[in-house]
N, C-alpha and C. Protein backbone atom coordinates (compact mmCIF):
# COMPACT_ATOMS: atom_id res chain seq x y z
N MET A 1 56.95 121.10 121.11
CA MET A 1 57.92 120.80 122.45
C MET A 1 58.59 122.17 122.78
N ARG A 2 58.66 122.79 124.17
CA ARG A 2 59.14 124.05 124.12
C ARG A 2 60.08 123.92 124.87
N PRO A 3 61.51 124.58 124.48
CA PRO A 3 62.99 124.56 124.85
C PRO A 3 62.83 123.90 126.46
N ASN A 4 64.07 123.35 126.53
CA ASN A 4 63.99 122.22 128.01
C ASN A 4 63.18 121.37 128.66
N GLN A 5 62.43 121.09 127.53
CA GLN A 5 61.34 119.87 128.21
C GLN A 5 61.85 118.68 127.35
N ARG A 6 61.58 117.85 128.34
CA ARG A 6 62.13 116.27 127.57
C ARG A 6 60.90 115.20 127.58
N ARG A 7 61.23 114.36 127.15
CA ARG A 7 59.88 113.20 127.14
C ARG A 7 60.57 112.10 127.94
N CYS A 8 59.48 111.57 128.54
CA CYS A 8 60.41 110.34 129.32
C CYS A 8 59.69 109.12 128.62
N VAL A 9 61.59 107.91 128.33
CA VAL A 9 61.35 107.22 127.15
C VAL A 9 60.42 106.05 127.68
N SER A 10 60.09 105.95 128.84
CA SER A 10 59.19 104.84 129.19
C SER A 10 57.49 105.10 129.16
N CYS A 11 57.18 106.16 130.20
CA CYS A 11 55.84 106.44 130.16
C CYS A 11 55.74 107.80 129.34
N ARG A 12 56.65 108.29 128.96
CA ARG A 12 56.05 109.13 127.32
C ARG A 12 55.49 111.07 128.03
N LYS A 13 55.82 111.00 129.32
CA LYS A 13 55.16 112.09 129.99
C LYS A 13 56.14 113.46 129.43
N ILE A 14 55.80 114.66 129.17
CA ILE A 14 56.96 115.68 129.07
C ILE A 14 57.26 116.72 130.18
N ALA A 15 58.43 116.77 130.18
CA ALA A 15 58.55 117.60 131.72
C ALA A 15 59.77 118.40 131.44
N PRO A 16 59.94 119.21 132.36
CA PRO A 16 61.51 120.26 132.03
C PRO A 16 62.46 119.11 132.62
N LYS A 17 63.62 119.11 131.89
CA LYS A 17 64.57 118.37 131.53
C LYS A 17 65.33 118.08 133.17
N ALA A 18 65.03 119.33 134.11
CA ALA A 18 65.82 118.78 135.50
C ALA A 18 64.82 117.49 136.28
N ASP A 19 63.56 117.22 135.61
CA ASP A 19 63.01 116.32 136.22
C ASP A 19 63.17 114.83 136.13
N PHE A 20 64.04 114.68 135.00
CA PHE A 20 64.28 113.48 134.43
C PHE A 20 65.79 113.15 134.77
N TRP A 21 66.08 111.33 134.62
CA TRP A 21 67.24 110.97 134.90
C TRP A 21 68.05 111.26 133.55
N ARG A 22 69.49 111.44 133.02
CA ARG A 22 69.75 111.07 131.54
C ARG A 22 70.61 109.93 131.61
N ILE A 23 70.68 109.36 130.77
CA ILE A 23 71.27 108.48 130.39
C ILE A 23 71.40 108.60 128.47
N VAL A 24 72.99 108.25 128.77
CA VAL A 24 73.94 108.93 127.37
C VAL A 24 74.66 107.71 127.13
N ARG A 25 74.72 107.41 125.74
CA ARG A 25 75.50 106.45 124.85
C ARG A 25 76.57 107.73 124.33
N VAL A 26 77.81 107.37 124.80
CA VAL A 26 78.69 108.47 124.74
C VAL A 26 79.45 108.74 123.54
N PHE A 27 79.52 109.46 122.42
CA PHE A 27 80.24 109.33 121.46
C PHE A 27 81.92 109.62 121.42
N PRO A 28 82.84 109.02 121.02
CA PRO A 28 82.35 108.13 119.54
C PRO A 28 83.00 106.67 120.59
N SER A 29 82.90 106.56 121.92
CA SER A 29 83.05 105.38 122.71
C SER A 29 82.04 104.17 122.62
N ARG A 30 80.83 104.94 122.49
CA ARG A 30 79.57 104.18 122.23
C ARG A 30 79.27 103.06 124.00
N THR A 31 79.84 103.96 124.91
CA THR A 31 79.68 103.40 126.40
C THR A 31 78.63 104.46 126.99
N VAL A 32 78.04 103.27 127.50
CA VAL A 32 76.40 104.29 128.38
C VAL A 32 76.81 104.10 129.51
N GLN A 33 76.46 105.85 129.90
CA GLN A 33 77.00 106.13 131.50
C GLN A 33 75.94 107.32 131.41
N LEU A 34 75.79 107.41 133.23
CA LEU A 34 74.37 108.75 133.34
C LEU A 34 74.63 109.79 133.31
N GLU A 35 74.21 111.01 132.96
CA GLU A 35 74.06 112.41 133.48
C GLU A 35 75.22 112.95 132.40
N LYS A 36 76.03 112.98 132.61
CA LYS A 36 76.99 113.59 132.03
C LYS A 36 77.60 113.26 130.34
N GLY A 37 78.14 113.76 129.10
CA GLY A 37 78.73 113.72 128.49
C GLY A 37 77.93 113.63 127.23
N MET A 38 78.45 113.62 125.77
CA MET A 38 77.95 114.41 124.71
C MET A 38 77.84 112.99 124.00
N GLY A 39 76.27 113.10 123.29
CA GLY A 39 75.96 112.14 122.66
C GLY A 39 74.12 111.86 122.32
N ARG A 40 74.50 110.88 122.27
CA ARG A 40 72.96 110.34 122.04
C ARG A 40 72.16 110.05 123.75
N SER A 41 70.88 110.70 123.42
CA SER A 41 70.26 110.78 125.23
C SER A 41 69.42 110.42 125.15
N VAL A 42 68.53 109.24 126.79
CA VAL A 42 67.53 109.39 126.80
C VAL A 42 67.24 109.94 127.91
N TYR A 43 65.81 110.14 128.24
CA TYR A 43 65.31 110.75 129.84
C TYR A 43 64.25 109.64 130.34
N LEU A 44 64.60 109.52 131.55
CA LEU A 44 63.68 108.44 132.47
C LEU A 44 63.06 108.97 133.65
N CYS A 45 61.52 108.91 133.76
CA CYS A 45 61.49 109.75 135.17
C CYS A 45 62.07 108.92 136.41
N PRO A 46 62.13 109.17 137.54
CA PRO A 46 63.08 108.65 138.58
C PRO A 46 61.59 107.91 139.34
N GLN A 47 61.02 107.16 138.70
CA GLN A 47 59.83 106.59 139.26
C GLN A 47 59.66 105.05 139.18
N HIS A 48 59.48 104.08 140.49
CA HIS A 48 59.86 103.38 140.27
C HIS A 48 58.92 102.14 138.61
N SER A 49 57.77 102.75 138.46
CA SER A 49 57.28 102.41 137.33
C SER A 49 57.98 102.43 136.15
N CYS A 50 58.17 103.59 135.46
CA CYS A 50 59.01 104.18 134.74
C CYS A 50 59.89 103.11 134.64
N LEU A 51 61.23 102.78 135.67
CA LEU A 51 62.27 102.37 135.85
C LEU A 51 62.09 100.71 135.43
N GLN A 52 60.82 100.37 135.99
CA GLN A 52 60.79 98.89 135.95
C GLN A 52 60.08 98.57 134.44
N LEU A 53 59.47 99.50 134.05
CA LEU A 53 58.93 99.25 132.55
C LEU A 53 60.23 99.18 131.46
N ALA A 54 61.43 100.44 131.82
CA ALA A 54 62.09 100.17 130.58
C ALA A 54 63.12 99.39 130.84
N GLN A 55 63.51 98.77 132.36
CA GLN A 55 64.51 97.86 132.23
C GLN A 55 63.65 96.67 131.59
N LYS A 56 62.25 96.18 131.66
CA LYS A 56 61.77 95.15 131.16
C LYS A 56 61.96 94.94 129.84
N LYS A 57 61.16 95.96 129.08
CA LYS A 57 61.04 96.19 127.72
C LYS A 57 62.46 96.48 127.17
N ASP A 58 63.58 96.84 127.49
CA ASP A 58 65.07 97.52 127.13
C ASP A 58 64.78 98.63 126.44
N ARG A 59 63.59 99.33 126.66
CA ARG A 59 63.72 100.95 126.52
C ARG A 59 64.85 101.75 126.37
N LEU A 60 65.58 101.47 126.93
CA LEU A 60 67.26 102.22 127.08
C LEU A 60 67.94 101.78 126.10
N GLY A 61 68.02 100.70 126.00
CA GLY A 61 68.68 100.10 124.92
C GLY A 61 68.68 100.33 123.58
N ARG A 62 66.68 100.32 123.20
CA ARG A 62 66.78 100.63 122.12
C ARG A 62 66.51 101.79 121.53
N SER A 63 66.17 102.69 122.40
CA SER A 63 66.71 104.32 122.14
C SER A 63 67.54 104.72 121.91
N LEU A 64 68.65 104.12 122.90
CA LEU A 64 70.31 104.53 122.79
C LEU A 64 71.10 103.91 121.36
N LYS A 65 70.14 102.87 120.98
CA LYS A 65 70.74 101.67 119.78
C LYS A 65 71.84 101.14 120.49
N ALA A 66 72.40 100.78 121.68
CA ALA A 66 73.33 100.21 121.99
C ALA A 66 72.71 99.62 123.62
N VAL A 67 73.70 98.35 124.00
CA VAL A 67 73.38 97.55 125.13
C VAL A 67 73.60 98.41 126.43
N VAL A 68 72.68 98.25 127.50
CA VAL A 68 72.96 98.91 128.60
C VAL A 68 73.27 98.28 129.73
N PRO A 69 74.67 98.42 130.46
CA PRO A 69 75.13 97.76 131.00
C PRO A 69 74.49 97.25 132.17
N PRO A 70 74.26 96.07 133.09
CA PRO A 70 73.34 96.26 134.37
C PRO A 70 74.07 96.95 135.28
N GLU A 71 74.93 97.42 135.50
CA GLU A 71 75.48 98.19 136.38
C GLU A 71 74.94 99.66 136.48
N ILE A 72 74.28 100.30 135.31
CA ILE A 72 73.60 101.42 135.15
C ILE A 72 71.95 101.09 135.35
N TYR A 73 71.37 100.19 135.58
CA TYR A 73 70.34 99.37 135.97
C TYR A 73 70.28 99.62 137.44
N GLN A 74 71.57 99.26 137.55
CA GLN A 74 71.61 98.71 139.20
C GLN A 74 71.86 100.52 140.10
N THR A 75 72.62 100.97 139.28
CA THR A 75 72.71 102.44 140.06
C THR A 75 71.48 103.45 140.08
N LEU A 76 70.78 103.02 138.78
CA LEU A 76 68.94 103.71 138.79
C LEU A 76 68.19 103.53 140.02
N TRP A 77 68.06 102.11 140.18
CA TRP A 77 68.02 101.52 141.31
C TRP A 77 68.32 101.92 142.90
N GLN A 78 69.38 102.13 143.34
CA GLN A 78 69.98 102.85 144.24
C GLN A 78 69.56 104.11 144.57
N HIS A 79 69.73 104.88 143.02
CA HIS A 79 68.87 105.98 143.41
C HIS A 79 67.81 106.58 143.83
N LEU A 80 66.84 105.75 143.16
CA LEU A 80 65.54 105.66 143.31
C LEU A 80 65.09 105.33 144.77
N SER A 81 66.09 104.32 145.34
CA SER A 81 66.10 104.10 146.91
C SER A 81 66.12 104.89 147.73
N ALA A 82 67.11 105.82 147.20
CA ALA A 82 67.70 106.89 148.00
C ALA A 82 66.94 107.94 148.51
N SER A 83 66.28 108.14 147.13
CA SER A 83 65.30 109.21 146.82
C SER A 83 64.29 109.17 147.34
N ASP A 84 63.71 107.84 147.92
CA ASP A 84 62.26 107.05 148.19
C ASP A 84 62.83 107.49 149.89
N ARG A 85 64.29 106.98 150.29
CA ARG A 85 64.44 107.16 151.76
C ARG A 85 64.13 108.37 152.12
N MET A 86 64.70 109.23 151.38
CA MET A 86 64.58 111.19 151.33
C MET A 86 63.55 111.48 151.83
N ILE A 87 62.55 110.98 150.84
CA ILE A 87 60.88 111.54 150.73
C ILE A 87 60.58 111.04 151.91
N GLY A 88 60.71 110.27 152.16
CA GLY A 88 59.95 109.46 153.63
C GLY A 88 60.65 109.76 154.85
N SER A 89 62.03 110.32 155.07
CA SER A 89 62.61 111.03 156.30
C SER A 89 61.53 112.25 156.35
N THR A 90 61.76 112.96 155.02
CA THR A 90 61.11 114.35 155.10
C THR A 90 59.53 114.23 155.40
N MET A 91 58.67 113.50 154.89
CA MET A 91 57.24 112.81 155.23
C MET A 91 57.20 112.75 156.75
N VAL A 92 58.25 112.01 157.59
CA VAL A 92 58.23 111.55 159.08
C VAL A 92 58.19 112.54 159.74
N GLU A 93 59.30 113.85 159.48
CA GLU A 93 59.78 115.10 159.90
C GLU A 93 58.61 116.07 160.15
N SER A 94 58.16 116.23 158.61
CA SER A 94 56.75 116.91 158.34
C SER A 94 55.65 116.65 159.16
N THR A 95 55.49 115.59 159.41
CA THR A 95 54.02 114.90 160.34
C THR A 95 54.24 115.14 161.75
N ALA A 96 55.75 114.87 161.77
CA ALA A 96 56.13 115.04 163.92
C ALA A 96 55.86 116.53 163.88
N THR A 97 56.53 117.67 163.14
CA THR A 97 56.20 118.58 163.12
C THR A 97 54.50 119.34 163.15
N ASP A 98 53.85 118.73 162.14
CA ASP A 98 52.15 118.90 161.85
C ASP A 98 51.66 118.67 163.56
N SER A 99 52.34 117.62 163.97
CA SER A 99 51.16 116.93 165.16
C SER A 99 51.78 117.74 166.44
N ALA A 100 52.88 117.91 166.17
CA ALA A 100 53.43 119.12 167.52
C ALA A 100 52.98 120.48 167.31
N ILE A 101 52.57 121.13 166.52
CA ILE A 101 51.84 122.21 166.35
C ILE A 101 50.51 121.75 166.43
N THR A 102 49.84 120.71 166.26
CA THR A 102 48.10 120.61 166.50
C THR A 102 48.14 120.58 167.61
N GLU A 103 49.24 119.63 168.39
CA GLU A 103 49.12 119.74 169.96
C GLU A 103 49.44 121.02 171.03
N SER A 104 50.08 122.13 170.35
CA SER A 104 50.46 123.22 170.81
C SER A 104 49.40 123.90 171.01
N ALA A 105 48.72 124.29 169.65
CA ALA A 105 47.33 124.48 169.46
C ALA A 105 46.22 124.23 169.65
N LYS A 106 45.78 123.34 170.85
CA LYS A 106 45.07 122.77 171.48
C LYS A 106 44.35 123.24 172.75
N PRO A 107 43.25 123.95 172.85
CA PRO A 107 42.74 125.24 173.99
C PRO A 107 43.24 123.69 175.35
N ASP A 108 43.73 124.34 176.39
CA ASP A 108 43.64 123.65 177.79
C ASP A 108 42.61 123.51 178.37
N SER A 109 42.18 122.15 178.72
CA SER A 109 40.53 122.22 178.97
C SER A 109 41.01 121.70 180.73
N SER A 110 41.81 121.98 180.83
CA SER A 110 41.98 121.49 182.44
C SER A 110 41.03 122.42 183.40
N PRO A 111 40.31 122.25 184.55
CA PRO A 111 39.29 122.85 185.12
C PRO A 111 39.98 123.83 186.01
């Protein structure tokens, strides 16, 4: 594996570290938190299917060797829905811009 490449604990996809969410079991307190901290880490794709499978099969808890509190999953679901809204609003803006460009590019067909 090349430097800064990580593997999703759910779908096993390898990608750059920046493409994943990082979940950490902090040393020595053994608390689980998102993104920041030093200790055992797992990475998860920010996708609905990966998060659902990780929660259903307790993949985060088994990989971290700790109990993952429900608040962590709630926060991840909120991040996922927020990113879906951002992607959806960008697509709506993009579609509106594309249709405006298409309309302005049409030749005037008046007699």
